Amino acid sequence: MNWELEQAQPSAQDQVRDYVAQLQLHMALQARNLVPSLTQARDSREQLLQDTQASVEKMASRQI
Protein backbone atom coordinates (compact mmCIF):
# COMPACT_ATOMS: atom_id res chain seq x y z
CA MET A 1 0.00 0.00 0.00
CA ASN A 2 2.97 2.30 0.54
CA TRP A 3 3.83 2.23 -3.17
CA GLU A 4 0.28 3.38 -4.02
CA LEU A 5 0.75 6.43 -1.80
CA GLU A 6 4.06 7.24 -3.48
CA GLN A 7 2.51 6.90 -6.94
CA ALA A 8 -0.41 9.19 -6.02
CA GLN A 9 1.79 12.06 -4.84
CA PRO A 10 4.13 13.78 -7.28
CA SER A 11 7.78 13.50 -6.33
CA ALA A 12 9.78 16.55 -5.31
CA GLN A 13 11.61 16.34 -8.63
CA ASP A 14 8.30 16.41 -10.54
CA GLN A 15 7.11 19.37 -8.49
CA VAL A 16 10.32 21.30 -9.19
CA ARG A 17 10.11 20.41 -12.89
CA ASP A 18 6.54 21.73 -13.06
CA TYR A 19 7.49 24.89 -11.17
CA VAL A 20 10.42 25.58 -13.50
CA ALA A 21 8.24 25.02 -16.59
CA GLN A 22 5.62 27.44 -15.27
CA LEU A 23 8.31 29.97 -14.36
CA GLN A 24 9.85 29.75 -17.84
CA LEU A 25 6.47 30.32 -19.45
CA HIS A 26 5.77 33.26 -17.17
CA MET A 27 9.14 34.80 -17.95
CA ALA A 28 8.61 34.32 -21.70
CA LEU A 29 5.24 36.03 -21.52
CA GLN A 30 6.71 38.86 -19.45
CA ALA A 31 9.56 39.26 -21.94
CA ARG A 32 7.01 39.58 -24.72
CA ASN A 33 5.71 42.69 -23.00
CA LEU A 34 9.18 44.21 -23.42
CA VAL A 35 9.26 43.59 -27.16
CA PRO A 36 7.77 46.35 -29.30
CA SER A 37 4.35 45.53 -30.66
CA LEU A 38 4.31 43.95 -34.08
CA THR A 39 3.93 46.39 -36.91
CA GLN A 40 3.85 45.98 -40.64
CA ALA A 41 7.06 44.17 -41.58
CA ARG A 42 9.40 46.25 -43.68
CA ASP A 43 11.12 43.29 -45.32
CA SER A 44 11.07 39.49 -45.52
CA ARG A 45 13.61 39.14 -42.69
CA GLU A 46 11.42 41.11 -40.29
CA GLN A 47 8.36 39.13 -41.40
CA LEU A 48 10.19 35.86 -40.71
CA LEU A 49 11.13 37.11 -37.24
CA GLN A 50 7.51 38.03 -36.47
CA ASP A 51 6.22 34.68 -37.75
CA THR A 52 8.81 32.78 -35.72
CA GLN A 53 8.00 34.73 -32.56
CA ALA A 54 4.29 34.03 -33.00
CA SER A 55 4.91 30.31 -33.57
CA VAL A 56 7.11 29.98 -30.47
CA GLU A 57 4.56 31.77 -28.33
CA LYS A 58 1.79 29.48 -29.59
CA MET A 59 3.83 26.38 -28.81
CA ALA A 60 4.72 27.68 -25.33
CA SER A 61 1.15 28.56 -24.48
CA ARG A 62 -0.05 25.06 -25.41
CA GLN A 63 2.43 23.31 -23.11
CA ILE A 64 0.46 23.99 -19.93
PDB file of N, CA and C in Angstrom:
ATOM      1  N   MET A   1       0.823  -1.195   0.000  1.00  0.00           N
ATOM      2  CA  MET A   1       0.000   0.000   0.000  1.00  0.00           C
ATOM      3  C   MET A   1       0.865   1.255   0.000  1.00  0.00           C
ATOM      4  N   ASN A   2       2.073   1.157   0.509  1.00  0.00           N
ATOM      5  CA  ASN A   2       2.967   2.302   0.540  1.00  0.00           C
ATOM      6  C   ASN A   2       3.306   2.777  -0.864  1.00  0.00           C
ATOM      7  N   TRP A   3       3.505   1.844  -1.800  1.00  0.00           N
ATOM      8  CA  TRP A   3       3.834   2.233  -3.173  1.00  0.00           C
ATOM      9  C   TRP A   3       2.686   2.971  -3.835  1.00  0.00           C
ATOM     10  N   GLU A   4       1.433   2.658  -3.465  1.00  0.00           N
ATOM     11  CA  GLU A   4       0.279   3.375  -4.018  1.00  0.00           C
ATOM     12  C   GLU A   4       0.301   4.835  -3.574  1.00  0.00           C
ATOM     13  N   LEU A   5       0.668   5.074  -2.319  1.00  0.00           N
ATOM     14  CA  LEU A   5       0.748   6.435  -1.798  1.00  0.00           C
ATOM     15  C   LEU A   5       1.837   7.218  -2.528  1.00  0.00           C
ATOM     16  N   GLU A   6       2.973   6.570  -2.779  1.00  0.00           N
ATOM     17  CA  GLU A   6       4.061   7.237  -3.484  1.00  0.00           C
ATOM     18  C   GLU A   6       3.672   7.555  -4.919  1.00  0.00           C
ATOM     19  N   GLN A   7       2.925   6.671  -5.564  1.00  0.00           N
ATOM     20  CA  GLN A   7       2.508   6.904  -6.937  1.00  0.00           C
ATOM     21  C   GLN A   7       1.477   8.019  -7.030  1.00  0.00           C
ATOM     22  N   ALA A   8       0.651   8.186  -6.004  1.00  0.00           N
ATOM     23  CA  ALA A   8      -0.413   9.191  -6.024  1.00  0.00           C
ATOM     24  C   ALA A   8       0.138  10.602  -5.838  1.00  0.00           C
ATOM     25  N   GLN A   9       1.225  10.745  -5.115  1.00  0.00           N
ATOM     26  CA  GLN A   9       1.788  12.064  -4.841  1.00  0.00           C
ATOM     27  C   GLN A   9       2.972  12.316  -5.774  1.00  0.00           C
ATOM     28  N   PRO A  10       2.984  13.489  -6.412  1.00  0.00           N
ATOM     29  CA  PRO A  10       4.132  13.784  -7.284  1.00  0.00           C
ATOM     30  C   PRO A  10       5.413  13.902  -6.457  1.00  0.00           C
ATOM     31  N   SER A  11       6.496  13.432  -7.029  1.00  0.00           N
ATOM     32  CA  SER A  11       7.776  13.505  -6.334  1.00  0.00           C
ATOM     33  C   SER A  11       8.255  14.952  -6.281  1.00  0.00           C
ATOM     34  N   ALA A  12       9.210  15.201  -5.432  1.00  0.00           N
ATOM     35  CA  ALA A  12       9.775  16.548  -5.310  1.00  0.00           C
ATOM     36  C   ALA A  12      10.393  16.972  -6.632  1.00  0.00           C
ATOM     37  N   GLN A  13      11.002  16.024  -7.335  1.00  0.00           N
ATOM     38  CA  GLN A  13      11.614  16.338  -8.631  1.00  0.00           C
ATOM     39  C   GLN A  13      10.532  16.752  -9.638  1.00  0.00           C
ATOM     40  N   ASP A  14       9.398  16.053  -9.643  1.00  0.00           N
ATOM     41  CA  ASP A  14       8.303  16.414 -10.544  1.00  0.00           C
ATOM     42  C   ASP A  14       7.741  17.789 -10.193  1.00  0.00           C
ATOM     43  N   GLN A  15       7.631  18.079  -8.916  1.00  0.00           N
ATOM     44  CA  GLN A  15       7.114  19.375  -8.490  1.00  0.00           C
ATOM     45  C   GLN A  15       8.050  20.502  -8.927  1.00  0.00           C
ATOM     46  N   VAL A  16       9.345  20.285  -8.778  1.00  0.00           N
ATOM     47  CA  VAL A  16      10.318  21.298  -9.191  1.00  0.00           C
ATOM     48  C   VAL A  16      10.282  21.457 -10.707  1.00  0.00           C
ATOM     49  N   ARG A  17      10.179  20.358 -11.428  1.00  0.00           N
ATOM     50  CA  ARG A  17      10.114  20.408 -12.891  1.00  0.00           C
ATOM     51  C   ARG A  17       8.893  21.217 -13.345  1.00  0.00           C
ATOM     52  N   ASP A  18       7.747  20.975 -12.717  1.00  0.00           N
ATOM     53  CA  ASP A  18       6.535  21.727 -13.058  1.00  0.00           C
ATOM     54  C   ASP A  18       6.691  23.208 -12.727  1.00  0.00           C
ATOM     55  N   TYR A  19       7.285  23.499 -11.576  1.00  0.00           N
ATOM     56  CA  TYR A  19       7.489  24.886 -11.173  1.00  0.00           C
ATOM     57  C   TYR A  19       8.397  25.614 -12.171  1.00  0.00           C
ATOM     58  N   VAL A  20       9.480  24.961 -12.561  1.00  0.00           N
ATOM     59  CA  VAL A  20      10.420  25.577 -13.503  1.00  0.00           C
ATOM     60  C   VAL A  20       9.742  25.812 -14.855  1.00  0.00           C
ATOM     61  N   ALA A  21       8.944  24.857 -15.312  1.00  0.00           N
ATOM     62  CA  ALA A  21       8.245  25.021 -16.586  1.00  0.00           C
ATOM     63  C   ALA A  21       7.277  26.204 -16.521  1.00  0.00           C
ATOM     64  N   GLN A  22       6.550  26.319 -15.424  1.00  0.00           N
ATOM     65  CA  GLN A  22       5.622  27.438 -15.272  1.00  0.00           C
ATOM     66  C   GLN A  22       6.377  28.759 -15.180  1.00  0.00           C
ATOM     67  N   LEU A  23       7.499  28.764 -14.492  1.00  0.00           N
ATOM     68  CA  LEU A  23       8.305  29.972 -14.362  1.00  0.00           C
ATOM     69  C   LEU A  23       8.865  30.396 -15.722  1.00  0.00           C
ATOM     70  N   GLN A  24       9.328  29.432 -16.507  1.00  0.00           N
ATOM     71  CA  GLN A  24       9.847  29.753 -17.838  1.00  0.00           C
ATOM     72  C   GLN A  24       8.763  30.346 -18.719  1.00  0.00           C
ATOM     73  N   LEU A  25       7.565  29.783 -18.661  1.00  0.00           N
ATOM     74  CA  LEU A  25       6.467  30.318 -19.452  1.00  0.00           C
ATOM     75  C   LEU A  25       6.119  31.730 -18.997  1.00  0.00           C
ATOM     76  N   HIS A  26       6.064  31.934 -17.700  1.00  0.00           N
ATOM     77  CA  HIS A  26       5.765  33.258 -17.165  1.00  0.00           C
ATOM     78  C   HIS A  26       6.810  34.273 -17.616  1.00  0.00           C
ATOM     79  N   MET A  27       8.079  33.890 -17.547  1.00  0.00           N
ATOM     80  CA  MET A  27       9.144  34.800 -17.955  1.00  0.00           C
ATOM     81  C   MET A  27       9.070  35.098 -19.452  1.00  0.00           C
ATOM     82  N   ALA A  28       8.732  34.098 -20.256  1.00  0.00           N
ATOM     83  CA  ALA A  28       8.613  34.318 -21.698  1.00  0.00           C
ATOM     84  C   ALA A  28       7.476  35.287 -21.997  1.00  0.00           C
ATOM     85  N   LEU A  29       6.366  35.126 -21.302  1.00  0.00           N
ATOM     86  CA  LEU A  29       5.244  36.030 -21.520  1.00  0.00           C
ATOM     87  C   LEU A  29       5.565  37.436 -21.037  1.00  0.00           C
ATOM     88  N   GLN A  30       6.295  37.543 -19.940  1.00  0.00           N
ATOM     89  CA  GLN A  30       6.709  38.858 -19.449  1.00  0.00           C
ATOM     90  C   GLN A  30       7.674  39.508 -20.433  1.00  0.00           C
ATOM     91  N   ALA A  31       8.589  38.721 -20.984  1.00  0.00           N
ATOM     92  CA  ALA A  31       9.558  39.260 -21.939  1.00  0.00           C
ATOM     93  C   ALA A  31       8.844  39.780 -23.175  1.00  0.00           C
ATOM     94  N   ARG A  32       7.767  39.136 -23.542  1.00  0.00           N
ATOM     95  CA  ARG A  32       7.013  39.583 -24.720  1.00  0.00           C
ATOM     96  C   ARG A  32       6.502  41.009 -24.521  1.00  0.00           C
ATOM     97  N   ASN A  33       6.185  41.349 -23.283  1.00  0.00           N
ATOM     98  CA  ASN A  33       5.714  42.695 -23.004  1.00  0.00           C
ATOM     99  C   ASN A  33       6.814  43.739 -23.213  1.00  0.00           C
ATOM    100  N   LEU A  34       8.063  43.293 -23.221  1.00  0.00           N
ATOM    101  CA  LEU A  34       9.178  44.210 -23.419  1.00  0.00           C
ATOM    102  C   LEU A  34       9.520  44.400 -24.889  1.00  0.00           C
ATOM    103  N   VAL A  35       8.989  43.513 -25.725  1.00  0.00           N
ATOM    104  CA  VAL A  35       9.256  43.591 -27.160  1.00  0.00           C
ATOM    105  C   VAL A  35       8.269  44.570 -27.776  1.00  0.00           C
ATOM    106  N   PRO A  36       8.712  45.423 -28.659  1.00  0.00           N
ATOM    107  CA  PRO A  36       7.775  46.353 -29.297  1.00  0.00           C
ATOM    108  C   PRO A  36       6.645  45.593 -29.991  1.00  0.00           C
ATOM    109  N   SER A  37       5.477  46.183 -30.022  1.00  0.00           N
ATOM    110  CA  SER A  37       4.350  45.526 -30.663  1.00  0.00           C
ATOM    111  C   SER A  37       4.652  45.319 -32.145  1.00  0.00           C
ATOM    112  N   LEU A  38       4.065  44.276 -32.676  1.00  0.00           N
ATOM    113  CA  LEU A  38       4.309  43.948 -34.076  1.00  0.00           C
ATOM    114  C   LEU A  38       3.665  44.987 -34.982  1.00  0.00           C
ATOM    115  N   THR A  39       4.416  45.423 -35.933  1.00  0.00           N
ATOM    116  CA  THR A  39       3.927  46.390 -36.913  1.00  0.00           C
ATOM    117  C   THR A  39       4.046  45.750 -38.286  1.00  0.00           C
ATOM    118  N   GLN A  40       3.693  46.478 -39.271  1.00  0.00           N
ATOM    119  CA  GLN A  40       3.846  45.977 -40.635  1.00  0.00           C
ATOM    120  C   GLN A  40       5.330  45.729 -40.910  1.00  0.00           C
ATOM    121  N   ALA A  41       5.659  44.517 -41.310  1.00  0.00           N
ATOM    122  CA  ALA A  41       7.056  44.166 -41.579  1.00  0.00           C
ATOM    123  C   ALA A  41       7.572  44.961 -42.770  1.00  0.00           C
ATOM    124  N   ARG A  42       8.786  45.461 -42.608  1.00  0.00           N
ATOM    125  CA  ARG A  42       9.400  46.254 -43.680  1.00  0.00           C
ATOM    126  C   ARG A  42      10.034  45.372 -44.737  1.00  0.00           C
ATOM    127  N   ASP A  43      10.476  44.175 -44.349  1.00  0.00           N
ATOM    128  CA  ASP A  43      11.123  43.291 -45.316  1.00  0.00           C
ATOM    129  C   ASP A  43      10.872  41.838 -44.923  1.00  0.00           C
ATOM    130  N   SER A  44      11.333  40.920 -45.744  1.00  0.00           N
ATOM    131  CA  SER A  44      11.070  39.494 -45.517  1.00  0.00           C
ATOM    132  C   SER A  44      11.755  38.992 -44.247  1.00  0.00           C
ATOM    133  N   ARG A  45      12.899  39.556 -43.907  1.00  0.00           N
ATOM    134  CA  ARG A  45      13.607  39.141 -42.694  1.00  0.00           C
ATOM    135  C   ARG A  45      12.802  39.494 -41.452  1.00  0.00           C
ATOM    136  N   GLU A  46      12.243  40.683 -41.431  1.00  0.00           N
ATOM    137  CA  GLU A  46      11.423  41.114 -40.294  1.00  0.00           C
ATOM    138  C   GLU A  46      10.139  40.290 -40.220  1.00  0.00           C
ATOM    139  N   GLN A  47       9.562  39.959 -41.363  1.00  0.00           N
ATOM    140  CA  GLN A  47       8.359  39.130 -41.397  1.00  0.00           C
ATOM    141  C   GLN A  47       8.653  37.735 -40.848  1.00  0.00           C
ATOM    142  N   LEU A  48       9.797  37.171 -41.221  1.00  0.00           N
ATOM    143  CA  LEU A  48      10.192  35.859 -40.713  1.00  0.00           C
ATOM    144  C   LEU A  48      10.364  35.907 -39.199  1.00  0.00           C
ATOM    145  N   LEU A  49      10.968  36.956 -38.684  1.00  0.00           N
ATOM    146  CA  LEU A  49      11.134  37.112 -37.244  1.00  0.00           C
ATOM    147  C   LEU A  49       9.787  37.164 -36.537  1.00  0.00           C
ATOM    148  N   GLN A  50       8.845  37.916 -37.078  1.00  0.00           N
ATOM    149  CA  GLN A  50       7.514  38.027 -36.474  1.00  0.00           C
ATOM    150  C   GLN A  50       6.785  36.686 -36.509  1.00  0.00           C
ATOM    151  N   ASP A  51       6.878  35.985 -37.621  1.00  0.00           N
ATOM    152  CA  ASP A  51       6.223  34.681 -37.747  1.00  0.00           C
ATOM    153  C   ASP A  51       6.818  33.674 -36.770  1.00  0.00           C
ATOM    154  N   THR A  52       8.140  33.686 -36.634  1.00  0.00           N
ATOM    155  CA  THR A  52       8.812  32.777 -35.720  1.00  0.00           C
ATOM    156  C   THR A  52       8.420  33.070 -34.279  1.00  0.00           C
ATOM    157  N   GLN A  53       8.397  34.344 -33.911  1.00  0.00           N
ATOM    158  CA  GLN A  53       8.005  34.727 -32.558  1.00  0.00           C
ATOM    159  C   GLN A  53       6.586  34.261 -32.260  1.00  0.00           C
ATOM    160  N   ALA A  54       5.673  34.453 -33.196  1.00  0.00           N
ATOM    161  CA  ALA A  54       4.287  34.030 -33.001  1.00  0.00           C
ATOM    162  C   ALA A  54       4.192  32.518 -32.848  1.00  0.00           C
ATOM    163  N   SER A  55       4.940  31.782 -33.643  1.00  0.00           N
ATOM    164  CA  SER A  55       4.910  30.313 -33.565  1.00  0.00           C
ATOM    165  C   SER A  55       5.442  29.815 -32.223  1.00  0.00           C
ATOM    166  N   VAL A  56       6.531  30.391 -31.762  1.00  0.00           N
ATOM    167  CA  VAL A  56       7.110  29.983 -30.474  1.00  0.00           C
ATOM    168  C   VAL A  56       6.140  30.275 -29.337  1.00  0.00           C
ATOM    169  N   GLU A  57       5.502  31.428 -29.374  1.00  0.00           N
ATOM    170  CA  GLU A  57       4.559  31.767 -28.329  1.00  0.00           C
ATOM    171  C   GLU A  57       3.348  30.837 -28.337  1.00  0.00           C
ATOM    172  N   LYS A  58       2.893  30.447 -29.515  1.00  0.00           N
ATOM    173  CA  LYS A  58       1.790  29.482 -29.594  1.00  0.00           C
ATOM    174  C   LYS A  58       2.186  28.145 -28.997  1.00  0.00           C
ATOM    175  N   MET A  59       3.376  27.669 -29.345  1.00  0.00           N
ATOM    176  CA  MET A  59       3.831  26.377 -28.808  1.00  0.00           C
ATOM    177  C   MET A  59       3.974  26.453 -27.291  1.00  0.00           C
ATOM    178  N   ALA A  60       4.534  27.532 -26.776  1.00  0.00           N
ATOM    179  CA  ALA A  60       4.723  27.679 -25.334  1.00  0.00           C
ATOM    180  C   ALA A  60       3.390  27.739 -24.611  1.00  0.00           C
ATOM    181  N   SER A  61       2.426  28.424 -25.171  1.00  0.00           N
ATOM    182  CA  SER A  61       1.147  28.557 -24.483  1.00  0.00           C
ATOM    183  C   SER A  61       0.375  27.249 -24.455  1.00  0.00           C
ATOM    184  N   ARG A  62       0.671  26.349 -25.361  1.00  0.00           N
ATOM    185  CA  ARG A  62      -0.048  25.060 -25.410  1.00  0.00           C
ATOM    186  C   ARG A  62       0.620  23.988 -24.565  1.00  0.00           C
ATOM    187  N   GLN A  63       1.720  24.301 -23.908  1.00  0.00           N
ATOM    188  CA  GLN A  63       2.433  23.315 -23.109  1.00  0.00           C
ATOM    189  C   GLN A  63       1.937  23.219 -21.687  1.00  0.00           C
ATOM    190  N   ILE A  64       0.977  24.042 -21.311  1.00  0.00           N
ATOM    191  CA  ILE A  64       0.459  23.993 -19.930  1.00  0.00           C
ATOM    192  C   ILE A  64      -0.514  22.867 -19.798  1.00  0.00           C
TER     193      ILE A  64
END
